[in-house]
Every structure is written in C-alpha cells, then in structure tokens.
Amino acid sequence: MCLAFPGRILNIKGDQATADFDGIEKEVNISLVKGAKVGDFVMVHAGFAIQRMNKLEAEEVFKLYEEGRK
C-alpha cells in the first residue's frame, strides 16, 4: 500500500520546494507537477509531489487521516 499526504508549498527553488505538512516542513521535488506555485497544496509520495489539489481536497484528506488515528 502506498501513502501520499498533502502539503502546502511554502517556497520554491528550481525543482525543489519546502512544503508544510500540518506543521512539519519537508523538502519535496515538484518536477512532476508543472506550474506548482507557493501556496498550492500538493499530494506528496516518497518525496515527490505527484498532483496539485485544492484546499478543500487537502482538508478532506486531513480529516480522514485524523479519523483514522482515533
């Protein structure tokens, strides 16, 4: 099973970006998501952003994740 989690892009330097994952900042590769910009939510798997998502979609994933932790 693969797990991907949404993060919000904080800054970008070339194909690398810093993304916020619910308070944890990580470096991710955004080369697979053309047009990604600061403020975008991206789904990240194994250090690579694999798709852009809107805020509502990201919040739904956060909600499902929290429900699964209970």
C-alpha atoms as a PDB file:
ATOM      1  CA  MET A   1       0.000   0.000   0.000  1.00  0.00           C
ATOM      2  CA  CYS A   2       1.265   3.460  -0.890  1.00  0.00           C
ATOM      3  CA  LEU A   3       0.617   6.510   1.209  1.00  0.00           C
ATOM      4  CA  ALA A   4       0.635  10.080  -0.015  1.00  0.00           C
ATOM      5  CA  PHE A   5      -0.082  13.131   2.106  1.00  0.00           C
ATOM      6  CA  PRO A   6      -0.913  16.728   1.168  1.00  0.00           C
ATOM      7  CA  GLY A   7       1.441  19.571   1.914  1.00  0.00           C
ATOM      8  CA  ARG A   8       1.259  23.302   1.216  1.00  0.00           C
ATOM      9  CA  ILE A   9       4.171  24.781  -0.724  1.00  0.00           C
ATOM     10  CA  LEU A  10       5.976  27.459   1.275  1.00  0.00           C
ATOM     11  CA  ASN A  11       8.803  28.292  -1.128  1.00  0.00           C
ATOM     12  CA  ILE A  12      10.339  27.026  -4.354  1.00  0.00           C
ATOM     13  CA  LYS A  13      13.923  26.821  -5.610  1.00  0.00           C
ATOM     14  CA  GLY A  14      14.081  25.184  -9.025  1.00  0.00           C
ATOM     15  CA  ASP A  15      12.512  21.720  -8.821  1.00  0.00           C
ATOM     16  CA  GLN A  16      12.731  21.674  -5.017  1.00  0.00           C
ATOM     17  CA  ALA A  17      10.160  23.152  -2.667  1.00  0.00           C
ATOM     18  CA  THR A  18       9.633  23.381   1.054  1.00  0.00           C
ATOM     19  CA  ALA A  19       6.179  22.094   1.955  1.00  0.00           C
ATOM     20  CA  ASP A  20       4.267  22.314   5.220  1.00  0.00           C
ATOM     21  CA  PHE A  21       2.717  19.029   6.336  1.00  0.00           C
ATOM     22  CA  ASP A  22       0.471  20.052   9.217  1.00  0.00           C
ATOM     23  CA  GLY A  23       3.297  21.914  10.956  1.00  0.00           C
ATOM     24  CA  ILE A  24       6.211  19.804   9.748  1.00  0.00           C
ATOM     25  CA  GLU A  25       8.304  21.302   6.944  1.00  0.00           C
ATOM     26  CA  LYS A  26       9.969  18.981   4.428  1.00  0.00           C
ATOM     27  CA  GLU A  27      11.808  19.376   1.149  1.00  0.00           C
ATOM     28  CA  VAL A  28       9.948  17.868  -1.806  1.00  0.00           C
ATOM     29  CA  ASN A  29      10.635  17.537  -5.510  1.00  0.00           C
ATOM     30  CA  ILE A  30       7.977  19.302  -7.612  1.00  0.00           C
ATOM     31  CA  SER A  31       9.315  18.412 -11.077  1.00  0.00           C
ATOM     32  CA  LEU A  32       6.301  16.150 -11.765  1.00  0.00           C
ATOM     33  CA  VAL A  33       3.765  18.905 -11.063  1.00  0.00           C
ATOM     34  CA  LYS A  34       4.204  21.566 -13.708  1.00  0.00           C
ATOM     35  CA  GLY A  35       3.036  25.026 -12.722  1.00  0.00           C
ATOM     36  CA  ALA A  36       3.157  24.405  -8.962  1.00  0.00           C
ATOM     37  CA  LYS A  37       3.459  27.661  -7.054  1.00  0.00           C
ATOM     38  CA  VAL A  38       3.795  28.932  -3.498  1.00  0.00           C
ATOM     39  CA  GLY A  39       0.539  28.397  -1.608  1.00  0.00           C
ATOM     40  CA  ASP A  40      -0.547  25.379  -3.672  1.00  0.00           C
ATOM     41  CA  PHE A  41      -1.450  22.140  -1.947  1.00  0.00           C
ATOM     42  CA  VAL A  42       0.268  19.114  -3.461  1.00  0.00           C
ATOM     43  CA  MET A  43      -0.103  15.401  -2.800  1.00  0.00           C
ATOM     44  CA  VAL A  44       3.364  14.036  -1.936  1.00  0.00           C
ATOM     45  CA  HIS A  45       4.579  10.441  -2.107  1.00  0.00           C
ATOM     46  CA  ALA A  46       8.183   9.366  -1.412  1.00  0.00           C
ATOM     47  CA  GLY A  47       9.398  12.968  -1.529  1.00  0.00           C
ATOM     48  CA  PHE A  48       7.784  13.785  -4.888  1.00  0.00           C
ATOM     49  CA  ALA A  49       4.745  15.991  -5.427  1.00  0.00           C
ATOM     50  CA  ILE A  50       2.503  13.892  -7.667  1.00  0.00           C
ATOM     51  CA  GLN A  51      -0.501  16.181  -8.128  1.00  0.00           C
ATOM     52  CA  ARG A  52      -1.916  19.550  -7.205  1.00  0.00           C
ATOM     53  CA  MET A  53      -5.063  19.700  -5.132  1.00  0.00           C
ATOM     54  CA  ASN A  54      -7.303  22.456  -3.896  1.00  0.00           C
ATOM     55  CA  LYS A  55      -7.627  23.444  -0.235  1.00  0.00           C
ATOM     56  CA  LEU A  56     -10.947  21.622   0.169  1.00  0.00           C
ATOM     57  CA  GLU A  57      -9.457  18.352  -1.114  1.00  0.00           C
ATOM     58  CA  ALA A  58      -6.467  18.721   1.215  1.00  0.00           C
ATOM     59  CA  GLU A  59      -8.718  19.412   4.207  1.00  0.00           C
ATOM     60  CA  GLU A  60     -10.729  16.269   3.423  1.00  0.00           C
ATOM     61  CA  VAL A  61      -7.543  14.191   3.480  1.00  0.00           C
ATOM     62  CA  PHE A  62      -6.531  15.789   6.811  1.00  0.00           C
ATOM     63  CA  LYS A  63      -9.981  14.952   8.213  1.00  0.00           C
ATOM     64  CA  LEU A  64      -9.804  11.317   7.072  1.00  0.00           C
ATOM     65  CA  TYR A  65      -6.290  10.992   8.476  1.00  0.00           C
ATOM     66  CA  GLU A  66      -7.399  12.301  11.887  1.00  0.00           C
ATOM     67  CA  GLU A  67     -10.416   9.961  11.934  1.00  0.00           C
ATOM     68  CA  GLY A  68      -8.106   7.017  11.259  1.00  0.00           C
ATOM     69  CA  ARG A  69      -5.877   7.966  14.191  1.00  0.00           C
ATOM     70  CA  LYS A  70      -8.767   7.683  16.696  1.00  0.00           C
END
